Amino acid sequence: MTVSKMTWRPQYRSSKFRHVFGKAATKESCYDGVPITRSVQDNNFCAVNPRFLAVITECAGGGAFLVLSINHTGKVDPLHPRISGHRGNVLDVKWNPFNDFCIASCSEDTTVKVWEIPPHGVLKNLTSPWKELQGHSRRVGLIEWHPTANNILFSTAYDFQVMIWNLDCPEQVMKNPVRTISHHTDVVLSMSFNTDGSLLATTCKDRKVRLIESRSGNLLQEANCKKHKASKVLFLGNMKMLFTSGTSRWNDRQFALWDQDDLSVPLLEENLDGSSGVLFPFYDPDTHMLYLAGKGDGNMRYYEISSEKPYIHYLTEYRSNLPQKGMGVMPKRGLDVSSCEVFRFYKLVTIKSLIEPLSMIVPRRSESYQEDIYPMTAGNKPALTAEEWLSGIDKGPVLMSLKPGCQVAESYSEMSKGLGNSLDTRRSHSRPGALQLAYIQDQLGTKDGKEDSGNTEDDRSRIPVSNGEDLALCSPPRTENELRLKFHKQQEEIRRLRELLNQRDVRVKQLELEIKNIKNSQSHQSSP
């Protein structure tokens, strides 16, 4: 008699990101003492690029925001210069994806302003913008840059209009947008572009999700789901799907997934909890990971998206006892690939006036570059000019590699200039360790300046040697880890020199006392 055995195999889903974990920065690497805005607007209030961190601040008499060098961690000077050209509260800020020194802001004063940040950072209050956009009749709540076309900006306000602006126009004050989109019957709550920027998705207070042709403004589709009130919308890369987060009919927080070609019924709906804070979704098209952070929550859920059912796979949750008011996201080109970092948030903690960097890390034993988790990603070069896009051309983003030494995003001179920028910003603040760090970058900046001016080898050979390393042969630190390592080496050297100085001070005092004693003894001997 034969006995047939049934074999049971668990259906495990293979994933490289199953064990991704969140790692909060140490206290020294946070930004402390930042007066974060108390606005109730459901925005992120924070924008980040590899050079600067911008955060909307609380202030009296108009609106302002703060721009800090990304390396300016620790206690922030309460009198740090601000960008304060708006007459009303600032509601949103966004960095130009193709220019790390250009930022747009919108305000309750009905204007959008575009600012040029000086190469050395903000060293005095800025009140004069590069461009001022005056087209809306009510407060402007949201702005978005086009993902592939240079100097194209979208803005939406409480007048229910979405306006498209071409910043390549010569006028400093612009009153006529390229196009106005007027399909909404209430306030627009969020906007999202697809990968090449040809489509725009919006959520509105009238509970509808709209899919719009971004250039012409034509309404392509409209979803009216009474069971799901969407507040935020995201295009999920090239997967032809839309993700919305919002509330259910019974005010439970929930998310929904939609087919881009058919918005009549959602592909998936899932309730999360009964909290009241707005859910901010963030998507990484390179890893297909989706992060959900609730306003006022301390936790953050993350998922992996697939093109087949069940579409959304829960991974795990990052927990913290510090509630977030908003989140800034670092572009992929600013991540630390040496520590397998795949995403980085900048978490605004209002109760502590703190901005806390939070890194999402894939645990790997190898310290070498991991190509499988860092595919080619969108760089900082525009694929189109504003005129080309307006003429009807669509192009995907210009891709770049994150492999060290392969980046084509910046030239060597730009890197050295960037180091000088963060140096000068930090130099204006007296913080422990700032001078030591500034010294390293000063030496690197000196080296680069000599090379650019075409000095001879003899000139370069006179550059000081520090920690046994000839600074002329050192490359500028490419990552925060390298910069931190040089900083710690410099601290050790300065500590050693201080000890030598203290010893010599003690020796000098001893010699002075000996001289004084000899003089006293001589005077006593001569007096009788």
Protein backbone atom coordinates (compact mmCIF):
# COMPACT_ATOMS: atom_id res chain seq x y z
CA MET A 1 0.00 0.00 0.00
CA THR A 2 1.43 3.39 -0.98
CA VAL A 3 0.93 6.41 1.22
CA SER A 4 0.77 9.70 -0.61
CA LYS A 5 2.13 12.65 1.36
CA MET A 6 0.86 16.15 0.78
CA THR A 7 3.65 18.70 0.72
CA TRP A 8 2.80 22.18 2.00
CA ARG A 9 4.88 25.10 0.85
CA PRO A 10 4.39 28.55 2.30
CA GLN A 11 3.91 31.19 -0.38
CA TYR A 12 6.71 33.59 0.50
CA ARG A 13 7.07 36.68 -1.64
CA SER A 14 10.65 37.40 -2.55
CA SER A 15 11.63 40.99 -1.74
CA LYS A 16 14.90 42.87 -1.28
CA PHE A 17 13.14 45.40 0.93
CA ARG A 18 11.41 43.11 3.42
CA HIS A 19 13.78 44.18 6.22
CA VAL A 20 14.12 47.89 5.49
CA PHE A 21 14.32 49.77 8.78
CA GLY A 22 14.14 53.41 9.81
CA LYS A 23 17.15 54.96 11.55
CA ALA A 24 16.68 58.32 13.25
CA ALA A 25 19.64 60.70 13.34
CA THR A 26 21.52 61.37 16.56
CA LYS A 27 20.81 64.57 18.48
CA GLU A 28 23.97 66.16 17.03
CA SER A 29 22.74 65.50 13.47
CA CYS A 30 19.31 67.10 14.03
CA TYR A 31 18.36 70.76 13.57
CA ASP A 32 17.39 72.12 16.97
CA GLY A 33 15.63 75.34 17.91
CA VAL A 34 13.71 75.83 14.64
CA PRO A 35 10.47 77.81 15.17
CA ILE A 36 8.29 75.59 12.93
CA THR A 37 5.08 77.18 11.63
CA ARG A 38 1.81 76.56 13.48
CA SER A 39 -0.21 76.76 10.26
CA VAL A 40 -3.04 74.22 9.97
CA GLN A 41 -2.53 73.81 6.22
CA ASP A 42 -2.06 70.13 5.27
CA ASN A 43 1.31 70.61 3.58
CA ASN A 44 4.80 69.33 4.30
CA PHE A 45 6.15 72.79 5.36
CA CYS A 46 9.64 71.55 4.49
CA ALA A 47 11.70 71.07 1.31
CA VAL A 48 15.15 69.52 0.96
CA ASN A 49 17.87 69.17 -1.69
CA PRO A 50 21.49 67.96 -1.39
CA ARG A 51 22.67 71.47 -0.46
CA PHE A 52 19.91 73.15 1.55
CA LEU A 53 17.02 72.55 3.91
CA ALA A 54 14.06 74.97 3.76
CA VAL A 55 11.40 75.09 6.47
CA ILE A 56 8.44 77.43 6.96
CA THR A 57 8.73 79.24 10.30
CA GLU A 58 6.39 80.96 12.70
CA CYS A 59 6.80 84.73 12.68
CA ALA A 60 4.80 87.87 13.29
CA GLY A 61 3.94 90.43 10.62
CA GLY A 62 4.10 88.54 7.34
CA GLY A 63 5.41 85.16 6.27
CA ALA A 64 8.94 83.79 6.29
CA PHE A 65 10.89 80.62 5.84
CA LEU A 66 14.35 79.50 6.81
CA VAL A 67 17.04 78.13 4.48
CA LEU A 68 19.85 76.23 6.21
CA SER A 69 22.89 74.49 4.79
CA ILE A 70 22.22 70.75 4.87
CA ASN A 71 25.34 70.32 7.07
CA HIS A 72 24.32 73.05 9.51
CA THR A 73 23.15 70.61 12.20
CA GLY A 74 22.88 71.26 15.91
CA LYS A 75 21.41 74.34 17.53
CA VAL A 76 20.11 76.90 15.04
CA ASP A 77 20.67 80.57 15.85
CA PRO A 78 17.30 82.19 16.74
CA LEU A 79 18.42 85.23 14.73
CA HIS A 80 19.37 83.21 11.65
CA PRO A 81 18.55 85.26 8.51
CA ARG A 82 15.22 84.43 6.88
CA ILE A 83 13.55 84.79 3.50
CA SER A 84 10.78 87.19 4.40
CA GLY A 85 9.33 88.85 1.31
CA HIS A 86 5.71 87.70 1.71
CA ARG A 87 3.07 89.86 3.38
CA GLY A 88 1.05 86.82 4.54
CA ASN A 89 1.87 83.41 6.00
CA VAL A 90 3.91 81.13 3.72
CA LEU A 91 1.93 77.94 2.99
CA ASP A 92 4.26 75.88 0.77
CA VAL A 93 7.88 75.83 -0.43
CA LYS A 94 9.43 73.69 -3.18
CA TRP A 95 13.02 73.51 -4.52
CA ASN A 96 13.58 73.64 -8.26
CA PRO A 97 14.56 70.03 -9.14
CA PHE A 98 17.13 71.30 -11.67
CA ASN A 99 18.68 74.15 -9.68
CA ASP A 100 19.72 73.65 -6.06
CA PHE A 101 19.89 77.44 -5.54
CA CYS A 102 16.31 78.20 -6.67
CA ILE A 103 13.21 77.84 -4.48
CA ALA A 104 9.55 78.79 -4.94
CA SER A 105 7.18 79.79 -2.15
CA CYS A 106 3.45 80.59 -2.03
CA SER A 107 1.53 82.55 0.54
CA GLU A 108 -1.75 83.84 1.91
CA ASP A 109 -0.92 87.17 0.21
CA THR A 110 -2.11 85.56 -3.12
CA THR A 111 1.37 85.56 -4.68
CA VAL A 112 3.96 82.97 -5.65
CA LYS A 113 7.58 84.08 -5.36
CA VAL A 114 10.69 82.44 -6.77
CA TRP A 115 13.96 83.08 -4.93
CA GLU A 116 17.62 82.75 -5.86
CA ILE A 117 19.63 81.55 -2.87
CA PRO A 118 23.16 83.04 -2.79
CA PRO A 119 26.00 80.54 -3.40
CA HIS A 120 27.20 80.94 0.20
CA GLY A 121 23.74 80.44 1.72
CA VAL A 122 21.48 83.04 3.33
CA LEU A 123 23.73 85.40 5.30
CA LYS A 124 21.21 88.26 5.59
CA ASN A 125 17.43 88.57 5.32
CA LEU A 126 16.17 88.19 1.75
CA THR A 127 13.17 90.32 0.77
CA SER A 128 13.51 90.71 -3.03
CA PRO A 129 12.53 87.66 -5.10
CA TRP A 130 13.86 86.73 -8.54
CA LYS A 131 10.27 86.39 -9.85
CA GLU A 132 6.89 87.35 -8.44
CA LEU A 133 3.79 85.63 -9.87
CA GLN A 134 0.54 87.57 -9.44
CA GLY A 135 -2.42 85.78 -10.95
CA HIS A 136 -4.48 84.25 -8.17
CA SER A 137 -7.26 86.17 -6.42
CA ARG A 138 -7.11 84.25 -3.13
CA ARG A 139 -4.42 82.66 -0.98
CA VAL A 140 -2.14 80.21 -2.80
CA GLY A 141 -1.96 76.87 -1.01
CA LEU A 142 0.15 74.58 -3.20
CA ILE A 143 2.95 74.72 -5.79
CA GLU A 144 4.66 72.01 -7.88
CA TRP A 145 7.57 72.11 -10.34
CA HIS A 146 7.27 70.21 -13.61
CA PRO A 147 9.35 66.99 -13.27
CA THR A 148 11.18 67.16 -16.64
CA ALA A 149 10.75 70.67 -18.15
CA ASN A 150 12.94 73.49 -16.90
CA ASN A 151 11.34 76.54 -15.19
CA ILE A 152 7.73 75.40 -15.48
CA LEU A 153 5.79 75.92 -12.25
CA PHE A 154 2.21 74.95 -11.33
CA SER A 155 0.30 76.75 -8.58
CA THR A 156 -3.19 76.35 -7.13
CA ALA A 157 -5.12 78.61 -4.77
CA TYR A 158 -8.38 78.99 -2.87
CA ASP A 159 -9.88 80.54 -6.03
CA PHE A 160 -10.08 76.88 -7.29
CA GLN A 161 -7.74 77.64 -10.25
CA VAL A 162 -4.56 75.77 -11.26
CA MET A 163 -2.13 78.08 -13.09
CA ILE A 164 0.89 77.18 -15.25
CA TRP A 165 3.81 79.63 -15.23
CA ASN A 166 6.80 79.90 -17.57
CA LEU A 167 9.67 81.42 -15.57
CA ASP A 168 11.82 81.91 -18.67
CA CYS A 169 9.90 85.14 -19.37
CA PRO A 170 12.03 88.28 -18.87
CA GLU A 171 9.53 90.09 -16.61
CA GLN A 172 10.31 90.18 -12.90
CA VAL A 173 6.63 90.53 -11.97
CA MET A 174 4.41 88.14 -13.97
CA LYS A 175 0.64 88.59 -14.05
CA ASN A 176 -0.34 86.31 -16.90
CA PRO A 177 0.08 82.54 -16.55
CA VAL A 178 0.66 80.41 -19.65
CA ARG A 179 -2.60 78.57 -18.94
CA THR A 180 -5.31 78.42 -16.30
CA ILE A 181 -7.08 75.13 -15.49
CA SER A 182 -10.61 75.72 -14.19
CA HIS A 183 -12.19 72.27 -13.77
CA HIS A 184 -12.32 72.30 -9.97
CA THR A 185 -15.36 73.35 -7.98
CA ASP A 186 -13.57 73.60 -4.63
CA VAL A 187 -10.09 73.88 -3.12
CA VAL A 188 -7.41 71.65 -4.71
CA LEU A 189 -5.80 69.58 -1.94
CA SER A 190 -2.90 67.96 -3.80
CA MET A 191 -1.25 67.65 -7.23
CA SER A 192 0.96 64.93 -8.70
CA PHE A 193 2.67 64.43 -12.08
CA ASN A 194 3.38 61.23 -13.93
CA THR A 195 7.01 60.42 -14.81
CA ASP A 196 7.28 62.56 -17.96
CA GLY A 197 4.96 65.30 -16.68
CA SER A 198 2.35 64.85 -19.45
CA LEU A 199 -0.44 64.07 -16.96
CA LEU A 200 -1.52 65.85 -13.79
CA ALA A 201 -3.64 64.20 -11.09
CA THR A 202 -5.45 66.31 -8.49
CA THR A 203 -7.60 65.75 -5.43
CA CYS A 204 -10.20 68.31 -4.48
CA LYS A 205 -12.38 69.16 -1.51
CA ASP A 206 -15.40 68.18 -3.64
CA ARG A 207 -14.28 64.52 -3.11
CA LYS A 208 -13.27 64.01 -6.75
CA VAL A 209 -9.99 62.76 -8.19
CA ARG A 210 -9.24 64.29 -11.60
CA LEU A 211 -6.80 63.28 -14.31
CA ILE A 212 -5.81 66.26 -16.45
CA GLU A 213 -3.58 66.73 -19.49
CA SER A 214 -1.00 69.01 -17.89
CA ARG A 215 -0.12 71.11 -20.96
CA SER A 216 -3.56 71.75 -22.48
CA GLY A 217 -5.53 71.54 -19.23
CA ASN A 218 -8.07 69.12 -20.76
CA LEU A 219 -9.95 66.96 -18.27
CA LEU A 220 -9.37 63.31 -19.20
CA GLN A 221 -11.05 61.45 -16.34
CA GLU A 222 -12.88 62.12 -13.11
CA ALA A 223 -13.39 59.73 -10.19
CA ASN A 224 -16.32 60.37 -7.89
CA CYS A 225 -16.11 57.73 -5.17
CA LYS A 226 -18.53 58.54 -2.36
CA LYS A 227 -17.05 55.87 -0.09
CA HIS A 228 -13.53 57.39 -0.24
CA LYS A 229 -12.79 61.06 0.39
CA ALA A 230 -9.29 61.54 -1.05
CA SER A 231 -7.01 64.25 0.32
CA LYS A 232 -3.64 63.31 -1.27
CA VAL A 233 -2.85 61.72 -4.64
CA LEU A 234 0.32 60.21 -6.11
CA PHE A 235 1.26 58.78 -9.49
CA LEU A 236 3.05 55.47 -8.90
CA GLY A 237 5.90 55.93 -11.38
CA ASN A 238 5.40 54.09 -14.66
CA MET A 239 2.98 51.51 -13.20
CA LYS A 240 -0.08 53.30 -14.66
CA MET A 241 -1.68 53.47 -11.23
CA LEU A 242 -2.78 56.26 -8.91
CA PHE A 243 -2.61 56.11 -5.13
CA THR A 244 -4.88 58.25 -2.94
CA SER A 245 -5.02 58.63 0.83
CA GLY A 246 -7.97 60.04 2.70
CA THR A 247 -10.95 59.01 4.81
CA SER A 248 -13.83 56.58 4.48
CA ARG A 249 -17.52 57.32 4.88
CA TRP A 250 -17.15 56.64 8.63
CA ASN A 251 -14.07 58.89 8.94
CA ASP A 252 -11.58 56.03 9.19
CA ARG A 253 -8.26 56.78 7.54
CA GLN A 254 -7.92 54.74 4.37
CA PHE A 255 -6.05 54.53 1.09
CA ALA A 256 -7.16 53.50 -2.37
CA LEU A 257 -5.44 52.35 -5.54
CA TRP A 258 -6.77 53.31 -8.97
CA ASP A 259 -6.18 52.19 -12.52
CA GLN A 260 -4.89 55.23 -14.43
CA ASP A 261 -6.99 54.29 -17.48
CA ASP A 262 -10.24 53.72 -15.56
CA LEU A 263 -11.08 55.85 -12.52
CA SER A 264 -14.66 54.59 -12.22
CA VAL A 265 -13.93 52.10 -9.39
CA PRO A 266 -10.79 51.77 -7.24
CA LEU A 267 -8.70 48.62 -7.67
CA LEU A 268 -8.20 48.40 -3.91
CA GLU A 269 -9.42 50.11 -0.74
CA GLU A 270 -8.02 49.52 2.73
CA ASN A 271 -8.90 51.10 6.07
CA LEU A 272 -6.03 51.87 8.43
CA ASP A 273 -7.21 53.37 11.72
CA GLY A 274 -9.51 55.92 13.27
CA SER A 275 -6.98 58.74 13.70
CA SER A 276 -7.79 62.19 12.37
CA GLY A 277 -4.41 63.33 10.98
CA VAL A 278 -3.97 63.59 7.22
CA LEU A 279 -1.96 60.78 5.63
CA PHE A 280 1.05 61.95 3.60
CA PRO A 281 2.06 59.37 0.95
CA PHE A 282 5.61 59.23 -0.48
CA TYR A 283 6.60 56.93 -3.33
CA ASP A 284 10.03 55.80 -4.51
CA PRO A 285 9.75 54.59 -8.15
CA ASP A 286 13.25 53.05 -8.03
CA THR A 287 12.44 50.60 -5.22
CA HIS A 288 8.61 50.57 -5.68
CA MET A 289 8.27 51.39 -2.01
CA LEU A 290 5.44 53.51 -0.62
CA TYR A 291 5.65 55.30 2.73
CA LEU A 292 2.61 56.55 4.67
CA ALA A 293 3.18 59.13 7.40
CA GLY A 294 0.23 60.58 9.32
CA LYS A 295 0.15 64.17 10.47
CA GLY A 296 0.41 64.12 14.25
CA ASP A 297 1.53 60.47 14.27
CA GLY A 298 4.86 59.22 15.53
CA ASN A 299 4.80 56.12 13.34
CA MET A 300 5.24 55.55 9.62
CA ARG A 301 4.03 52.54 7.62
CA TYR A 302 5.76 51.35 4.50
CA TYR A 303 4.68 49.06 1.69
CA GLU A 304 5.93 47.56 -1.52
CA ILE A 305 3.90 48.07 -4.70
CA SER A 306 3.54 45.39 -7.39
CA SER A 307 1.68 45.44 -10.72
CA GLU A 308 -0.32 42.29 -9.87
CA LYS A 309 -2.88 41.56 -7.18
CA PRO A 310 -2.91 42.24 -4.27
CA TYR A 311 -0.84 45.26 -5.53
CA ILE A 312 0.15 46.61 -2.09
CA HIS A 313 2.28 44.49 0.27
CA TYR A 314 2.72 45.69 3.83
CA LEU A 315 6.37 45.56 4.95
CA THR A 316 6.59 46.98 8.45
CA GLU A 317 6.24 50.13 10.51
CA TYR A 318 8.67 52.66 11.94
CA ARG A 319 7.64 53.78 15.42
CA SER A 320 8.65 56.89 17.31
CA ASN A 321 7.21 58.84 20.24
CA LEU A 322 7.81 62.16 18.45
CA PRO A 323 4.79 63.26 16.36
CA GLN A 324 5.46 64.76 12.92
CA LYS A 325 3.78 67.89 11.58
CA GLY A 326 5.30 67.58 8.11
CA MET A 327 8.02 65.76 6.18
CA GLY A 328 10.68 66.83 3.71
CA VAL A 329 12.21 64.27 1.35
CA MET A 330 15.80 64.24 0.12
CA PRO A 331 16.18 63.60 -3.66
CA LYS A 332 17.86 60.28 -4.46
CA ARG A 333 21.10 61.99 -5.56
CA GLY A 334 21.56 63.29 -2.00
CA LEU A 335 21.43 59.88 -0.28
CA ASP A 336 24.34 58.09 1.38
CA VAL A 337 24.76 55.00 -0.82
CA SER A 338 27.64 53.70 1.31
CA SER A 339 25.20 52.91 4.14
CA CYS A 340 22.53 51.41 1.77
CA GLU A 341 20.18 54.35 2.42
CA VAL A 342 17.22 54.21 0.01
CA PHE A 343 15.09 57.11 1.30
CA ARG A 344 15.56 59.98 3.73
CA PHE A 345 12.91 62.05 5.47
CA TYR A 346 13.30 65.29 7.39
CA LYS A 347 10.68 65.09 10.11
CA LEU A 348 9.27 68.30 11.63
CA VAL A 349 8.67 67.86 15.37
CA THR A 350 6.82 70.99 16.50
CA ILE A 351 6.67 70.13 20.21
CA LYS A 352 10.47 70.17 20.39
CA SER A 353 11.21 72.76 17.65
CA LEU A 354 13.25 69.99 16.05
CA ILE A 355 13.92 68.71 12.53
CA GLU A 356 14.98 65.08 12.70
CA PRO A 357 16.53 63.30 9.67
CA LEU A 358 15.20 59.77 9.31
CA SER A 359 17.01 57.32 7.01
CA MET A 360 15.40 54.22 5.53
CA ILE A 361 18.14 51.60 5.23
CA VAL A 362 18.36 48.21 3.53
CA PRO A 363 20.47 45.98 5.82
CA ARG A 364 23.41 44.61 3.85
CA ARG A 365 26.66 43.12 5.14
CA SER A 366 28.77 44.22 2.21
CA GLU A 367 30.08 47.79 2.28
CA SER A 368 30.45 47.98 -1.50
CA TYR A 369 27.99 49.79 -3.79
CA GLN A 370 24.76 47.79 -4.14
CA GLU A 371 23.64 48.12 -7.76
CA ASP A 372 20.42 46.14 -7.31
CA ILE A 373 18.92 48.71 -4.92
CA TYR A 374 20.22 51.76 -6.79
CA PRO A 375 19.03 51.63 -10.41
CA MET A 376 19.46 54.65 -12.68
CA THR A 377 17.40 57.47 -11.20
CA ALA A 378 16.15 60.93 -12.18
CA GLY A 379 19.02 63.43 -12.05
CA ASN A 380 19.20 67.21 -11.80
CA LYS A 381 19.33 67.93 -15.54
CA PRO A 382 16.11 68.98 -17.30
CA ALA A 383 15.02 66.89 -20.28
CA LEU A 384 13.28 69.86 -21.93
CA THR A 385 13.33 73.63 -21.96
CA ALA A 386 10.13 75.45 -21.06
CA GLU A 387 9.58 76.40 -24.73
CA GLU A 388 10.02 72.80 -25.93
CA TRP A 389 7.47 71.54 -23.41
CA LEU A 390 4.97 74.27 -24.27
CA SER A 391 5.38 73.47 -27.99
CA GLY A 392 4.05 69.95 -27.38
CA ILE A 393 7.11 67.76 -26.65
CA ASP A 394 7.10 65.23 -23.78
CA LYS A 395 10.25 63.50 -22.55
CA GLY A 396 11.09 61.28 -19.60
CA PRO A 397 13.62 62.43 -17.00
CA VAL A 398 17.38 62.46 -17.67
CA LEU A 399 18.72 59.53 -15.64
CA MET A 400 21.91 59.35 -13.62
CA SER A 401 23.79 56.65 -11.71
CA LEU A 402 24.27 56.93 -7.95
CA LYS A 403 27.49 54.93 -8.07
CA PRO A 404 30.34 56.94 -6.49
CA GLY A 405 32.48 58.48 -9.23
CA CYS A 406 29.81 57.96 -11.91
CA GLN A 407 27.65 60.96 -11.19
CA VAL A 408 27.37 63.33 -14.09
CA ALA A 409 25.14 65.68 -12.19
CA GLU A 410 27.87 68.07 -11.03
CA SER A 411 31.28 69.08 -12.21
CA TYR A 412 34.25 69.05 -9.85
CA SER A 413 34.32 72.83 -9.60
CA GLU A 414 30.63 72.88 -8.66
CA MET A 415 31.30 70.36 -5.89
CA SER A 416 34.08 72.50 -4.49
CA LYS A 417 31.88 75.58 -4.74
CA GLY A 418 29.16 73.73 -2.85
CA LEU A 419 31.59 72.92 -0.04
CA GLY A 420 32.42 76.60 0.19
CA ASN A 421 28.72 77.46 0.33
CA SER A 422 28.04 75.29 3.36
CA LEU A 423 31.27 76.55 4.94
CA ASP A 424 30.28 80.20 4.77
CA THR A 425 26.78 79.51 6.02
CA ARG A 426 28.12 77.64 9.04
CA ARG A 427 30.92 80.12 9.66
CA SER A 428 28.36 82.81 10.53
CA HIS A 429 27.20 80.72 13.51
CA SER A 430 29.23 80.05 16.61
CA ARG A 431 28.55 76.36 17.25
CA PRO A 432 30.86 73.81 18.86
CA GLY A 433 32.85 72.07 16.16
CA ALA A 434 31.87 74.48 13.39
CA LEU A 435 35.32 76.03 13.12
CA GLN A 436 37.04 72.65 12.97
CA LEU A 437 34.69 71.52 10.19
CA ALA A 438 35.07 74.86 8.44
CA TYR A 439 38.86 74.49 8.52
CA ILE A 440 38.67 71.19 6.58
CA GLN A 441 36.43 72.66 3.94
CA ASP A 442 38.48 75.85 3.80
CA GLN A 443 41.57 73.80 2.97
CA LEU A 444 39.67 71.85 0.33
CA GLY A 445 38.26 75.08 -1.11
CA THR A 446 41.76 76.61 -1.20
CA LYS A 447 43.04 73.60 -3.08
CA ASP A 448 40.25 73.78 -5.65
CA GLY A 449 40.70 77.51 -6.11
CA LYS A 450 44.40 77.04 -6.83
CA GLU A 451 43.71 74.32 -9.36
CA ASP A 452 41.07 76.42 -11.12
CA SER A 453 43.33 79.46 -11.36
CA GLY A 454 46.00 77.38 -13.03
CA ASN A 455 48.73 77.73 -10.43
CA THR A 456 51.94 75.78 -10.77
CA GLU A 457 52.85 72.55 -8.99
CA ASP A 458 55.14 74.54 -6.65
CA ASP A 459 52.21 76.62 -5.46
CA ARG A 460 50.13 73.53 -4.79
CA SER A 461 52.95 71.84 -2.91
CA ARG A 462 52.84 74.56 -0.26
CA ILE A 463 49.35 73.51 0.89
CA PRO A 464 49.46 72.33 4.53
CA VAL A 465 49.56 68.67 5.45
CA SER A 466 46.93 67.68 8.00
CA ASN A 467 46.55 64.34 9.81
CA GLY A 468 49.34 62.95 7.68
CA GLU A 469 47.40 63.64 4.49
CA ASP A 470 48.42 66.09 1.80
CA LEU A 471 45.24 68.06 1.25
CA ALA A 472 46.21 68.76 -2.36
CA LEU A 473 45.88 65.04 -3.07
CA CYS A 474 42.63 64.58 -1.13
CA SER A 475 39.34 64.55 -2.99
CA PRO A 476 36.47 66.53 -1.44
CA PRO A 477 34.25 64.42 0.82
CA ARG A 478 31.44 62.97 -1.30
CA THR A 479 29.24 61.70 1.51
CA GLU A 480 28.29 62.79 5.00
CA ASN A 481 30.25 59.84 6.41
CA GLU A 482 33.47 60.99 4.71
CA LEU A 483 32.90 64.54 5.89
CA ARG A 484 32.23 63.33 9.43
CA LEU A 485 35.40 61.22 9.38
CA LYS A 486 37.53 64.21 8.35
CA PHE A 487 35.76 66.31 10.94
CA HIS A 488 36.61 63.83 13.75
CA LYS A 489 40.25 63.63 12.59
CA GLN A 490 40.45 67.40 12.67
CA GLN A 491 38.94 67.48 16.14
CA GLU A 492 41.57 65.03 17.40
CA GLU A 493 44.37 67.17 15.99
CA ILE A 494 42.94 70.35 17.49
CA ARG A 495 42.51 68.61 20.86
CA ARG A 496 46.17 67.53 20.76
CA LEU A 497 47.33 71.04 19.89
CA ARG A 498 45.23 72.49 22.72
CA GLU A 499 46.89 70.12 25.18
CA LEU A 500 50.33 71.25 23.96
CA LEU A 501 49.29 74.88 24.38
CA ASN A 502 47.99 74.21 27.89
CA GLN A 503 51.27 72.52 28.82
CA ARG A 504 53.23 75.47 27.48
CA ASP A 505 50.98 77.92 29.34
CA VAL A 506 51.64 76.03 32.56
CA ARG A 507 55.41 76.04 31.83
CA VAL A 508 55.35 79.80 31.14
CA LYS A 509 53.58 80.44 34.46
CA GLN A 510 56.13 78.27 36.27
CA LEU A 511 59.00 80.24 34.72
CA GLU A 512 57.32 83.54 35.59
CA LEU A 513 56.96 82.41 39.20
CA GLU A 514 60.61 81.32 39.31
CA ILE A 515 61.75 84.71 37.93
CA LYS A 516 59.56 86.48 40.48
CA ASN A 517 61.00 84.39 43.33
CA ILE A 518 64.57 85.09 42.19
CA LYS A 519 63.84 88.84 42.01
CA ASN A 520 62.29 88.78 45.51
CA SER A 521 65.24 86.89 46.99
CA GLN A 522 67.69 89.33 45.35
CA SER A 523 65.81 92.33 46.72
CA HIS A 524 65.83 90.79 50.26
CA GLN A 525 69.57 90.19 50.06
CA SER A 526 70.34 93.75 48.91
CA SER A 527 68.09 95.45 51.50
CA PRO A 528 70.28 94.88 54.67
